[in-house]
């Protein structure tokens, strides 16, 4: 019996020692019900980098309800004080009431039995009754303050700021943003301890605006060496900071991409629908977007969605292609648009491709679209087409795939942004129509709603989105090399009747390369 007790005692002591050395182990003991996920490990490592001196400036951007405040504003200050009971810590948030809530939780943790077992030398003084300020018996002090509070006479070995902007209304106010930046620079930041090593500054937030505190620090105070850890709710690149593949959720066990039919639990897809592309990009993807999605307004697209049963055979069709030649991580996408032109000079998106494809895959995708839609014109982006045109023409001949006109595009000298912004009056006038949904399979086998993908990752976040390949390809619609053949009757001028009679049986040399 004694041996069993001794064994249990050894296990307990090892667990306590581990909690002293590891923030993750500390959280596990203090919060037995805490569900650990991969993104928590990234946060834990960042905290170790701060306390062990490898970093001294950290910006952490995490979506709402992913326990960033639980770790950073509750557990981390308590753990820091356990390891450094003589230090001074300042924690600030947007309002004193919320700061008091954080302070009360930290104080209660530090007064608890488990904490005293982990850190027996860190003891709160008997007069530590206030939630906004309490001290250790060895001279350490923790301050919890709201934005704008005076901090004269207070120092900070650790300065933690957690969501200093309350909501979107505050984020959109230039006056409030400027006051916040001034307070941080003149009051909070000056509290950092001097010397070597100096004080550590950590800003935790959900992104609201390109000029929020994170954006301001990264832009105006880049020389301070801020490390920026951005965790999008949906992985956007294959080299994601949390080791996810593109499209995977940050915390699938808590907030998955979507729920099964009938399951009313939270999901990223529900948040996307509720928030719209701009706010979703900011709050969940941590990509800041100006009001209105920059230049393109959400309603210009959503107000002009069409049902998928549109009769595209009554339209003249063309295909625009912007090939990307690499399948590497972070490379551009190959983008293809199948567009239908109507008698009243409106443009309908009939089909889309957005994928990382090799040469053969690009050819296969294009040929499928040609065979299905029989376009009168295919336009290839000029600079990428140099590697494709000979191969495609050769394969057209081998596989008996024909199109009245195949042309290379890109002869104008407009910058990409100028090309894309030529689309503004077309969208604002309601002349470009996308389907309400368009599910397509990628090369990797995953299925995506292409309309939603276009809105979320390109149109709705332009010009600050990670990619703009679909927008750029669509902008070629307005190139002078693209013939816009608007039907004068049901289908008129698509070129296929004449082409079938005079070219169909001929060699591919009749295909034009402009």
Protein backbone atom coordinates (compact mmCIF):
# COMPACT_ATOMS: atom_id res chain seq x y z
CA UNK A 1 0.00 0.00 0.00
CA UNK A 2 2.83 2.29 0.93
CA UNK A 3 4.50 1.58 -2.40
CA UNK A 4 1.37 2.57 -4.29
CA UNK A 5 1.15 5.84 -2.37
CA UNK A 6 4.80 6.54 -3.04
CA UNK A 7 4.25 5.88 -6.73
CA UNK A 8 1.27 8.26 -6.82
CA UNK A 9 3.30 10.88 -5.00
CA UNK A 10 6.11 10.59 -7.52
CA UNK A 11 3.63 10.92 -10.41
CA UNK A 12 2.10 14.00 -8.78
CA UNK A 13 5.49 15.63 -8.25
CA UNK A 14 6.47 14.92 -11.84
CA UNK A 15 3.18 16.41 -13.09
CA UNK A 16 3.71 19.52 -10.95
CA UNK A 17 7.27 19.92 -12.20
CA UNK A 18 6.13 19.49 -15.77
CA UNK A 19 3.50 22.20 -15.23
CA UNK A 20 6.22 24.56 -13.94
CA UNK A 21 8.21 23.99 -17.12
CA UNK A 22 5.44 23.70 -19.70
CA UNK A 23 2.54 26.09 -20.28
CA UNK A 24 0.58 23.30 -21.98
CA UNK A 25 0.99 21.07 -18.91
CA UNK A 26 0.09 24.00 -16.65
CA UNK A 27 -3.15 24.58 -18.57
CA UNK A 28 -3.98 20.88 -18.42
CA UNK A 29 -3.68 20.85 -14.60
CA UNK A 30 -5.49 24.15 -14.08
CA UNK A 31 -8.23 23.34 -16.61
CA UNK A 32 -8.80 19.56 -16.52
CA UNK A 33 -11.56 19.83 -19.15
CA UNK A 34 -9.45 21.83 -21.61
CA UNK A 35 -9.55 20.28 -25.10
CA UNK A 36 -6.15 20.75 -26.67
CA UNK A 37 -5.85 21.31 -30.42
CA UNK A 38 -2.93 21.83 -32.80
CA UNK A 39 -3.35 25.61 -32.86
CA UNK A 40 -2.99 25.68 -29.08
CA UNK A 41 0.44 24.10 -29.47
CA UNK A 42 1.49 26.95 -31.76
CA UNK A 43 0.34 29.45 -29.12
CA UNK A 44 2.12 27.53 -26.36
CA UNK A 45 5.39 27.54 -28.31
CA UNK A 46 5.06 31.27 -28.92
CA UNK A 47 4.61 31.85 -25.18
CA UNK A 48 7.74 29.81 -24.44
CA UNK A 49 9.64 31.91 -26.95
CA UNK A 50 8.60 35.01 -25.01
CA UNK A 51 9.35 33.79 -21.52
CA UNK A 52 12.64 32.18 -22.55
CA UNK A 53 13.88 35.27 -24.36
CA UNK A 54 13.90 34.07 -27.98
CA UNK A 55 11.27 36.68 -28.91
CA UNK A 56 10.19 39.90 -27.24
CA UNK A 57 7.49 41.20 -29.61
CA UNK A 58 4.53 39.05 -30.61
CA UNK A 59 1.28 39.70 -32.48
CA UNK A 60 -1.17 36.81 -32.35
CA UNK A 61 -4.20 36.95 -34.68
CA UNK A 62 -6.77 34.22 -33.99
CA UNK A 63 -10.49 33.87 -34.87
CA UNK A 64 -13.15 34.43 -32.18
CA UNK A 65 -13.99 31.63 -29.76
CA UNK A 66 -10.77 29.72 -30.29
CA UNK A 67 -9.59 30.16 -26.65
CA UNK A 68 -6.92 32.75 -27.38
CA UNK A 69 -7.95 34.84 -24.35
CA UNK A 70 -8.24 31.80 -22.08
CA UNK A 71 -4.62 30.96 -22.76
CA UNK A 72 -3.11 34.41 -23.19
CA UNK A 73 -5.03 36.59 -20.73
CA UNK A 74 -5.76 33.99 -18.02
CA UNK A 75 -3.25 31.17 -18.05
CA UNK A 76 -0.16 32.90 -19.40
CA UNK A 77 -0.02 35.78 -16.85
CA UNK A 78 -0.55 33.32 -13.99
CA UNK A 79 2.16 31.00 -15.33
CA UNK A 80 4.54 33.92 -15.93
CA UNK A 81 4.12 35.10 -12.34
CA UNK A 82 4.64 31.58 -11.08
CA UNK A 83 8.02 31.51 -12.77
CA UNK A 84 8.81 35.16 -12.02
CA UNK A 85 7.07 36.15 -8.77
CA UNK A 86 8.90 39.50 -8.57
CA UNK A 87 7.88 40.69 -12.03
CA UNK A 88 5.31 43.29 -13.02
CA UNK A 89 2.64 42.42 -15.58
CA UNK A 90 0.14 44.71 -17.32
CA UNK A 91 -2.86 43.24 -19.12
CA UNK A 92 -5.11 45.60 -21.10
CA UNK A 93 -8.33 45.16 -23.04
CA UNK A 94 -10.99 47.47 -24.49
CA UNK A 95 -12.93 48.11 -21.25
CA UNK A 96 -12.19 48.10 -17.55
CA UNK A 97 -15.10 45.74 -16.85
CA UNK A 98 -13.65 43.06 -19.11
CA UNK A 99 -10.17 43.70 -17.69
CA UNK A 100 -11.59 43.10 -14.19
CA UNK A 101 -13.07 39.80 -15.41
CA UNK A 102 -9.64 38.67 -16.63
CA UNK A 103 -8.00 39.89 -13.42
CA UNK A 104 -10.51 38.10 -11.22
CA UNK A 105 -9.91 34.81 -13.04
CA UNK A 106 -6.12 35.13 -12.81
CA UNK A 107 -6.29 36.06 -9.12
CA UNK A 108 -8.59 33.11 -8.37
CA UNK A 109 -6.26 30.74 -10.22
CA UNK A 110 -3.28 31.99 -8.24
CA UNK A 111 -5.13 31.60 -4.96
CA UNK A 112 -6.22 28.05 -5.77
CA UNK A 113 -4.80 24.86 -4.26
CA UNK A 114 -3.45 23.49 -7.54
CA UNK A 115 -1.58 26.70 -8.37
CA UNK A 116 0.00 26.83 -4.92
CA UNK A 117 1.15 23.23 -5.41
CA UNK A 118 2.72 24.06 -8.78
CA UNK A 119 4.28 27.35 -7.66
CA UNK A 120 4.66 27.26 -3.87
CA UNK A 121 6.94 30.33 -3.89
CA UNK A 122 4.43 32.59 -5.65
CA UNK A 123 2.02 33.80 -2.99
CA UNK A 124 -0.45 36.64 -3.27
CA UNK A 125 -0.38 39.22 -0.52
CA UNK A 126 -3.27 39.20 1.94
CA UNK A 127 -4.64 42.51 0.67
CA UNK A 128 -5.00 41.26 -2.94
CA UNK A 129 -8.73 41.72 -3.10
CA UNK A 130 -9.04 43.99 -6.14
CA UNK A 131 -9.55 42.37 -9.54
CA UNK A 132 -7.69 45.18 -11.30
CA UNK A 133 -4.49 45.10 -9.22
CA UNK A 134 -2.95 42.50 -6.92
CA UNK A 135 0.55 41.72 -5.73
CA UNK A 136 2.77 38.86 -4.62
CA UNK A 137 4.53 38.75 -1.29
CA UNK A 138 7.84 39.17 -3.12
CA UNK A 139 6.96 42.46 -4.81
CA UNK A 140 5.43 41.29 -8.06
CA UNK A 141 2.34 43.13 -9.31
CA UNK A 142 -0.36 42.41 -11.87
CA UNK A 143 -2.42 45.25 -13.33
CA UNK A 144 -5.57 44.70 -15.39
CA UNK A 145 -6.72 47.87 -17.14
CA UNK A 146 -9.08 49.09 -19.80
CA UNK A 147 -7.93 50.93 -22.89
CA UNK A 148 -7.03 54.52 -22.18
CA UNK A 149 -6.21 54.02 -18.50
CA UNK A 150 -3.33 55.91 -16.92
CA UNK A 151 -0.29 53.78 -16.09
CA UNK A 152 2.04 56.28 -14.49
CA UNK A 153 4.40 54.65 -12.04
CA UNK A 154 3.71 51.14 -13.31
CA UNK A 155 6.23 48.99 -15.10
CA UNK A 156 5.88 45.89 -17.24
CA UNK A 157 8.14 42.92 -17.66
CA UNK A 158 5.18 41.61 -19.67
CA UNK A 159 2.69 43.85 -21.49
CA UNK A 160 -0.34 41.93 -22.76
CA UNK A 161 -3.01 43.63 -24.86
CA UNK A 162 -6.09 41.59 -25.76
CA UNK A 163 -8.65 42.87 -28.29
CA UNK A 164 -8.29 46.61 -27.68
CA UNK A 165 -11.06 47.27 -30.24
CA UNK A 166 -14.49 46.23 -29.04
CA UNK A 167 -16.36 45.68 -32.30
CA UNK A 168 -16.69 46.66 -35.95
CA UNK A 169 -18.19 50.06 -35.14
CA UNK A 170 -15.08 50.99 -33.19
CA UNK A 171 -12.81 49.46 -35.83
CA UNK A 172 -14.38 51.61 -38.55
CA UNK A 173 -13.89 54.79 -36.52
CA UNK A 174 -10.66 56.51 -37.51
CA UNK A 175 -10.93 58.63 -34.36
CA UNK A 176 -11.05 55.61 -32.04
CA UNK A 177 -8.25 53.83 -33.92
CA UNK A 178 -6.03 56.92 -33.66
CA UNK A 179 -6.76 57.35 -29.93
CA UNK A 180 -5.91 53.69 -29.36
CA UNK A 181 -2.64 53.95 -31.27
CA UNK A 182 -1.68 57.11 -29.37
CA UNK A 183 -2.51 55.53 -26.00
CA UNK A 184 -0.54 52.40 -26.80
CA UNK A 185 2.51 54.34 -27.99
CA UNK A 186 2.56 57.06 -25.33
CA UNK A 187 1.22 55.21 -22.30
CA UNK A 188 1.22 51.41 -22.50
CA UNK A 189 4.36 50.80 -24.58
CA UNK A 190 6.43 53.18 -22.45
CA UNK A 191 5.81 50.96 -19.40
CA UNK A 192 8.07 48.21 -20.72
CA UNK A 193 11.05 47.56 -18.54
CA UNK A 194 14.36 48.86 -19.90
CA UNK A 195 17.63 47.01 -19.85
CA UNK A 196 18.76 43.72 -21.29
CA UNK A 197 16.60 41.76 -21.48
CA UNK A 198 13.88 44.40 -21.64
CA UNK A 199 10.15 44.02 -21.31
CA UNK A 200 8.09 41.70 -23.50
CA UNK A 201 5.10 43.03 -25.50
CA UNK A 202 2.36 40.74 -26.78
CA UNK A 203 -0.71 41.87 -28.73
CA UNK A 204 -3.53 39.33 -29.01
CA UNK A 205 -6.50 40.11 -31.20
CA UNK A 206 -8.98 39.28 -33.87
CA UNK A 207 -8.35 41.44 -36.91
CA UNK A 208 -11.00 44.06 -37.64
CA UNK A 209 -9.36 46.59 -39.89
CA UNK A 210 -6.16 47.12 -41.87
CA UNK A 211 -5.32 50.00 -39.49
CA UNK A 212 -6.14 48.20 -36.23
CA UNK A 213 -3.37 47.95 -33.65
CA UNK A 214 -1.77 44.90 -35.29
CA UNK A 215 -1.76 46.57 -38.70
CA UNK A 216 -0.40 49.79 -37.19
CA UNK A 217 2.43 48.02 -35.35
CA UNK A 218 3.42 45.90 -38.35
CA UNK A 219 3.43 48.93 -40.63
CA UNK A 220 4.70 51.79 -38.48
CA UNK A 221 6.84 49.89 -35.95
CA UNK A 222 8.27 47.11 -38.07
CA UNK A 223 11.78 47.92 -36.81
CA UNK A 224 10.75 46.67 -33.36
CA UNK A 225 10.88 43.13 -34.71
CA UNK A 226 7.25 42.08 -34.27
CA UNK A 227 6.64 38.38 -34.89
CA UNK A 228 3.24 37.95 -36.52
CA UNK A 229 1.39 34.67 -36.01
CA UNK A 230 -1.75 34.62 -38.14
CA UNK A 231 -4.14 31.69 -37.80
CA UNK A 232 -6.95 31.72 -40.39
CA UNK A 233 -10.04 29.68 -39.57
CA UNK A 234 -9.62 27.96 -42.93
CA UNK A 235 -6.10 27.14 -44.07
CA UNK A 236 -5.20 29.08 -47.21
CA UNK A 237 -1.84 27.52 -48.00
CA UNK A 238 -0.31 24.10 -47.78
CA UNK A 239 2.49 25.43 -45.55
CA UNK A 240 -0.02 26.54 -42.94
CA UNK A 241 1.43 27.51 -39.56
CA UNK A 242 -0.59 24.74 -37.89
CA UNK A 243 0.40 22.08 -40.41
CA UNK A 244 -3.00 21.97 -42.12
CA UNK A 245 -3.76 21.31 -45.74
CA UNK A 246 -5.44 24.04 -47.77
CA UNK A 247 -9.11 24.36 -46.81
CA UNK A 248 -8.91 22.59 -43.44
CA UNK A 249 -10.52 24.16 -40.37
CA UNK A 250 -8.41 25.55 -37.54
CA UNK A 251 -10.31 23.64 -34.83
CA UNK A 252 -12.49 21.05 -36.56
CA UNK A 253 -13.53 19.39 -33.31
CA UNK A 254 -15.07 22.66 -32.11
CA UNK A 255 -15.92 24.64 -35.24
CA UNK A 256 -15.74 22.49 -38.39
CA UNK A 257 -16.12 23.74 -41.94
CA UNK A 258 -19.72 22.54 -41.96
CA UNK A 259 -22.12 20.31 -40.07
CA UNK A 260 -24.18 17.35 -41.31
CA UNK A 261 -27.72 18.19 -42.47
CA UNK A 262 -29.95 18.84 -39.47
CA UNK A 263 -27.04 19.61 -37.12
CA UNK A 264 -27.52 23.21 -35.93
CA UNK A 265 -24.12 23.53 -34.27
CA UNK A 266 -21.67 26.25 -35.19
CA UNK A 267 -19.63 25.89 -38.36
CA UNK A 268 -17.39 28.10 -40.46
CA UNK A 269 -19.79 27.86 -43.37
CA UNK A 270 -22.62 29.25 -41.21
CA UNK A 271 -20.40 32.09 -40.04
CA UNK A 272 -19.48 32.87 -43.66
CA UNK A 273 -23.12 33.14 -44.65
CA UNK A 274 -24.01 35.24 -41.61
CA UNK A 275 -21.08 37.67 -41.80
CA UNK A 276 -20.52 38.09 -45.52
CA UNK A 277 -17.12 37.91 -47.23
CA UNK A 278 -15.59 41.09 -45.86
CA UNK A 279 -16.25 40.51 -42.16
CA UNK A 280 -15.54 36.80 -42.48
CA UNK A 281 -12.18 37.59 -44.08
CA UNK A 282 -11.33 39.92 -41.19
CA UNK A 283 -12.66 38.03 -38.18
CA UNK A 284 -12.07 34.45 -39.25
CA UNK A 285 -9.34 34.55 -41.87
CA UNK A 286 -7.44 37.41 -40.22
CA UNK A 287 -7.25 39.20 -43.58
CA UNK A 288 -8.27 42.82 -43.27
CA UNK A 289 -10.53 44.23 -45.95
CA UNK A 290 -11.79 47.76 -46.32
CA UNK A 291 -15.52 48.44 -46.10
CA UNK A 292 -17.22 47.22 -49.26
CA UNK A 293 -14.49 44.71 -50.02
CA UNK A 294 -12.17 47.40 -51.28
CA UNK A 295 -13.41 48.37 -54.74
CA UNK A 296 -15.97 45.61 -55.36
CA UNK A 297 -19.16 45.58 -53.32
CA UNK A 298 -20.71 42.32 -52.22
CA UNK A 299 -24.22 43.25 -53.34
CA UNK A 300 -23.06 43.82 -56.92
CA UNK A 301 -22.46 40.10 -57.14
CA UNK A 302 -25.04 38.60 -54.80
CA UNK A 303 -27.93 40.71 -56.13
CA UNK A 304 -27.27 39.33 -59.59
CA UNK A 305 -26.94 35.61 -58.90
CA UNK A 306 -28.84 33.38 -61.30
CA UNK A 307 -30.36 29.93 -60.92
CA UNK A 308 -28.37 27.03 -62.32
CA UNK A 309 -31.08 26.07 -64.84
CA UNK A 310 -30.28 29.03 -67.12
CA UNK A 311 -30.39 28.08 -70.81
CA UNK A 312 -26.78 28.73 -71.77
CA UNK A 313 -27.31 27.29 -75.25
CA UNK A 314 -29.15 30.52 -76.05
CA UNK A 315 -25.92 32.45 -75.42
CA UNK A 316 -22.73 32.88 -77.37
CA UNK A 317 -19.90 31.34 -75.36
CA UNK A 318 -16.23 32.11 -74.91
CA UNK A 319 -13.49 30.80 -72.61
CA UNK A 320 -10.81 32.89 -70.89
CA UNK A 321 -7.76 31.19 -69.40
CA UNK A 322 -4.99 32.45 -67.14
CA UNK A 323 -2.66 29.44 -66.78
CA UNK A 324 -0.24 29.05 -63.91
CA UNK A 325 2.68 26.79 -64.62
CA UNK A 326 3.49 25.57 -61.13
CA UNK A 327 1.80 23.22 -58.69
CA UNK A 328 4.03 24.25 -55.81
CA UNK A 329 2.68 25.46 -52.49
CA UNK A 330 1.71 29.14 -52.51
CA UNK A 331 1.87 29.35 -56.30
CA UNK A 332 -0.84 30.99 -58.37
CA UNK A 333 -3.85 29.06 -59.60
CA UNK A 334 -4.81 28.26 -63.16
CA UNK A 335 -8.07 30.12 -63.71
CA UNK A 336 -10.64 29.42 -66.46
CA UNK A 337 -13.95 31.14 -67.10
CA UNK A 338 -16.69 29.94 -69.44
CA UNK A 339 -18.79 33.02 -70.19
CA UNK A 340 -22.14 33.28 -71.93
CA UNK A 341 -23.13 36.48 -73.76
CA UNK A 342 -26.81 37.42 -74.12
CA UNK A 343 -28.81 39.58 -76.49
CA UNK A 344 -29.14 42.35 -73.88
CA UNK A 345 -25.34 42.42 -73.41
CA UNK A 346 -25.15 40.65 -70.08
CA UNK A 347 -22.43 38.15 -69.16
CA UNK A 348 -23.18 34.84 -67.43
CA UNK A 349 -20.53 32.76 -65.67
CA UNK A 350 -21.30 29.24 -66.93
CA UNK A 351 -18.35 27.27 -65.62
CA UNK A 352 -15.11 27.83 -63.71
CA UNK A 353 -11.78 26.22 -62.99
CA UNK A 354 -9.48 27.36 -60.18
CA UNK A 355 -6.80 24.82 -59.41
CA UNK A 356 -3.06 24.17 -59.43
CA UNK A 357 -2.56 22.15 -62.62
CA UNK A 358 0.31 20.80 -64.63
CA UNK A 359 0.40 21.14 -68.41
CA UNK A 360 -1.53 17.94 -69.12
CA UNK A 361 -4.15 18.77 -66.49
CA UNK A 362 -4.59 22.27 -67.95
CA UNK A 363 -5.11 20.76 -71.39
CA UNK A 364 -7.61 18.20 -70.09
CA UNK A 365 -9.60 20.84 -68.20
CA UNK A 366 -9.74 23.13 -71.22
CA UNK A 367 -10.75 20.38 -73.63
CA UNK A 368 -13.59 19.30 -71.35
CA UNK A 369 -14.91 22.85 -71.35
CA UNK A 370 -14.54 23.19 -75.13
CA UNK A 371 -16.36 19.93 -75.80
CA UNK A 372 -19.19 20.79 -73.45
CA UNK A 373 -19.74 24.47 -74.28
CA UNK A 374 -18.47 24.79 -77.88
CA UNK A 375 -17.14 28.33 -77.50
CA UNK A 376 -16.60 30.61 -80.46
CA UNK A 377 -13.42 31.91 -78.87
CA UNK A 378 -10.71 30.73 -76.43
CA UNK A 379 -8.34 33.36 -75.05
CA UNK A 380 -5.09 32.39 -73.29
CA UNK A 381 -3.07 34.79 -71.17
CA UNK A 382 -0.07 35.64 -73.31
CA UNK A 383 2.86 35.15 -70.99
CA UNK A 384 1.85 31.77 -69.63
CA UNK A 385 0.62 30.54 -73.03
CA UNK A 386 4.11 30.50 -74.49
CA UNK A 387 4.70 27.19 -72.77
CA UNK A 388 1.25 25.86 -73.61
CA UNK A 389 0.26 26.81 -77.13
CA UNK A 390 2.36 24.31 -79.10
CA UNK A 391 1.33 21.48 -76.81
CA UNK A 392 -2.35 22.43 -76.90
CA UNK A 393 -2.43 22.83 -80.68
CA UNK A 394 -0.69 19.47 -81.08
CA UNK A 395 -3.18 17.78 -78.77
CA UNK A 396 -6.12 19.49 -80.50
CA UNK A 397 -5.01 17.82 -83.70
CA UNK A 398 -4.42 14.44 -82.04
CA UNK A 399 -7.71 14.43 -80.13
CA UNK A 400 -9.76 16.19 -82.83
CA UNK A 401 -10.69 19.08 -80.56
CA UNK A 402 -11.41 22.29 -82.45
CA UNK A 403 -12.46 25.84 -81.71
CA UNK A 404 -13.14 28.63 -84.23
CA UNK A 405 -10.58 31.00 -82.68
CA UNK A 406 -7.77 30.31 -80.22
CA UNK A 407 -5.89 33.50 -79.33
CA UNK A 408 -3.23 34.68 -76.92
CA UNK A 409 -4.11 37.70 -74.79
CA UNK A 410 -2.23 40.32 -72.88
CA UNK A 411 -1.03 42.72 -75.52
CA UNK A 412 -2.17 45.80 -73.56
CA UNK A 413 0.20 47.37 -71.08
CA UNK A 414 -2.25 47.86 -68.22
CA UNK A 415 -1.12 46.88 -64.74
CA UNK A 416 -3.04 44.02 -63.19
CA UNK A 417 -4.92 46.27 -60.74
CA UNK A 418 -5.99 48.57 -63.57
CA UNK A 419 -7.16 45.60 -65.63
CA UNK A 420 -9.22 44.20 -62.79
CA UNK A 421 -10.77 47.53 -61.84
CA UNK A 422 -12.14 47.90 -65.37
CA UNK A 423 -14.72 45.32 -64.22
CA UNK A 424 -16.19 47.69 -61.61
CA UNK A 425 -18.84 49.30 -63.86
CA UNK A 426 -19.80 45.89 -65.22
CA UNK A 427 -20.45 44.51 -61.75
CA UNK A 428 -22.01 47.72 -60.40
CA UNK A 429 -24.41 47.86 -63.37
CA UNK A 430 -25.47 44.27 -62.73
CA UNK A 431 -24.25 43.02 -66.11
CA UNK A 432 -22.15 40.11 -64.78
CA UNK A 433 -24.04 37.15 -63.31
CA UNK A 434 -22.74 34.19 -61.31
CA UNK A 435 -24.75 31.09 -60.36
CA UNK A 436 -26.04 30.81 -56.80
CA UNK A 437 -23.70 27.82 -56.43
CA UNK A 438 -21.42 25.83 -58.68
CA UNK A 439 -19.88 22.70 -57.15
CA UNK A 440 -16.78 21.44 -58.92
CA UNK A 441 -14.16 18.81 -58.11
CA UNK A 442 -10.50 19.81 -57.84
CA UNK A 443 -7.59 17.67 -58.99
CA UNK A 444 -7.04 16.53 -55.38
CA UNK A 445 -10.61 15.16 -55.31
CA UNK A 446 -12.05 17.80 -52.95
CA UNK A 447 -15.26 19.53 -54.01
CA UNK A 448 -15.75 23.29 -53.73
CA UNK A 449 -18.58 25.69 -54.42
CA UNK A 450 -16.82 27.83 -57.02
CA UNK A 451 -19.19 30.76 -56.61
CA UNK A 452 -18.62 30.84 -52.88
CA UNK A 453 -14.87 30.37 -53.39
CA UNK A 454 -14.74 33.25 -55.88
CA UNK A 455 -16.66 35.52 -53.50
CA UNK A 456 -14.74 34.54 -50.35
CA UNK A 457 -11.18 34.37 -51.61
CA UNK A 458 -11.07 36.86 -54.48
CA UNK A 459 -13.98 39.17 -55.28
CA UNK A 460 -15.09 39.85 -51.69
CA UNK A 461 -11.60 40.58 -50.39
CA UNK A 462 -10.00 42.33 -53.36
CA UNK A 463 -7.43 43.91 -53.29
CA UNK A 464 -6.07 42.35 -50.08
CA UNK A 465 -6.84 38.71 -50.83
CA UNK A 466 -4.05 36.18 -51.07
CA UNK A 467 -4.89 35.41 -54.71
CA UNK A 468 -6.64 37.25 -57.56
CA UNK A 469 -6.25 34.73 -60.38
CA UNK A 470 -9.98 34.45 -61.15
CA UNK A 471 -10.42 38.22 -61.07
CA UNK A 472 -7.48 38.72 -63.40
CA UNK A 473 -8.68 36.07 -65.85
CA UNK A 474 -12.17 37.59 -65.89
CA UNK A 475 -10.72 41.05 -66.54
CA UNK A 476 -9.46 39.78 -69.91
CA UNK A 477 -13.07 39.97 -71.03
CA UNK A 478 -12.39 43.65 -71.70
CA UNK A 479 -9.15 43.18 -73.65
CA UNK A 480 -9.27 44.58 -77.15
CA UNK A 481 -8.24 41.15 -78.50
CA UNK A 482 -11.43 39.53 -77.16
CA UNK A 483 -14.35 39.70 -79.62
CA UNK A 484 -17.63 40.18 -77.73
CA UNK A 485 -20.21 38.71 -80.07
CA UNK A 486 -23.56 39.60 -78.57
CA UNK A 487 -26.35 37.50 -80.12
CA UNK A 488 -28.85 39.42 -82.22
CA UNK A 489 -31.41 36.62 -81.89
CA UNK A 490 -31.54 33.36 -79.94
CA UNK A 491 -28.05 32.25 -80.96
CA UNK A 492 -26.38 34.29 -83.61
CA UNK A 493 -22.74 34.75 -84.34
CA UNK A 494 -21.24 32.02 -82.19
CA UNK A 495 -19.19 30.97 -85.19
CA UNK A 496 -19.85 27.26 -85.00
CA UNK A 497 -22.13 26.89 -88.05
CA UNK A 498 -19.54 28.49 -90.33
CA UNK A 499 -16.74 26.74 -88.50
CA UNK A 500 -18.35 23.33 -88.80
CA UNK A 501 -18.78 23.80 -92.53
CA UNK A 502 -15.39 25.24 -93.45
CA UNK A 503 -12.87 24.38 -90.75
CA UNK A 504 -14.01 21.36 -88.81
CA UNK A 505 -12.31 18.96 -91.13
CA UNK A 506 -9.19 21.09 -91.62
CA UNK A 507 -5.88 21.17 -89.85
CA UNK A 508 -5.39 23.14 -86.62
CA UNK A 509 -3.26 25.67 -88.47
CA UNK A 510 -6.50 27.54 -89.12
CA UNK A 511 -6.66 28.35 -85.41
CA UNK A 512 -5.42 31.88 -84.80
CA UNK A 513 -2.54 32.82 -82.52
CA UNK A 514 -2.75 36.59 -82.12
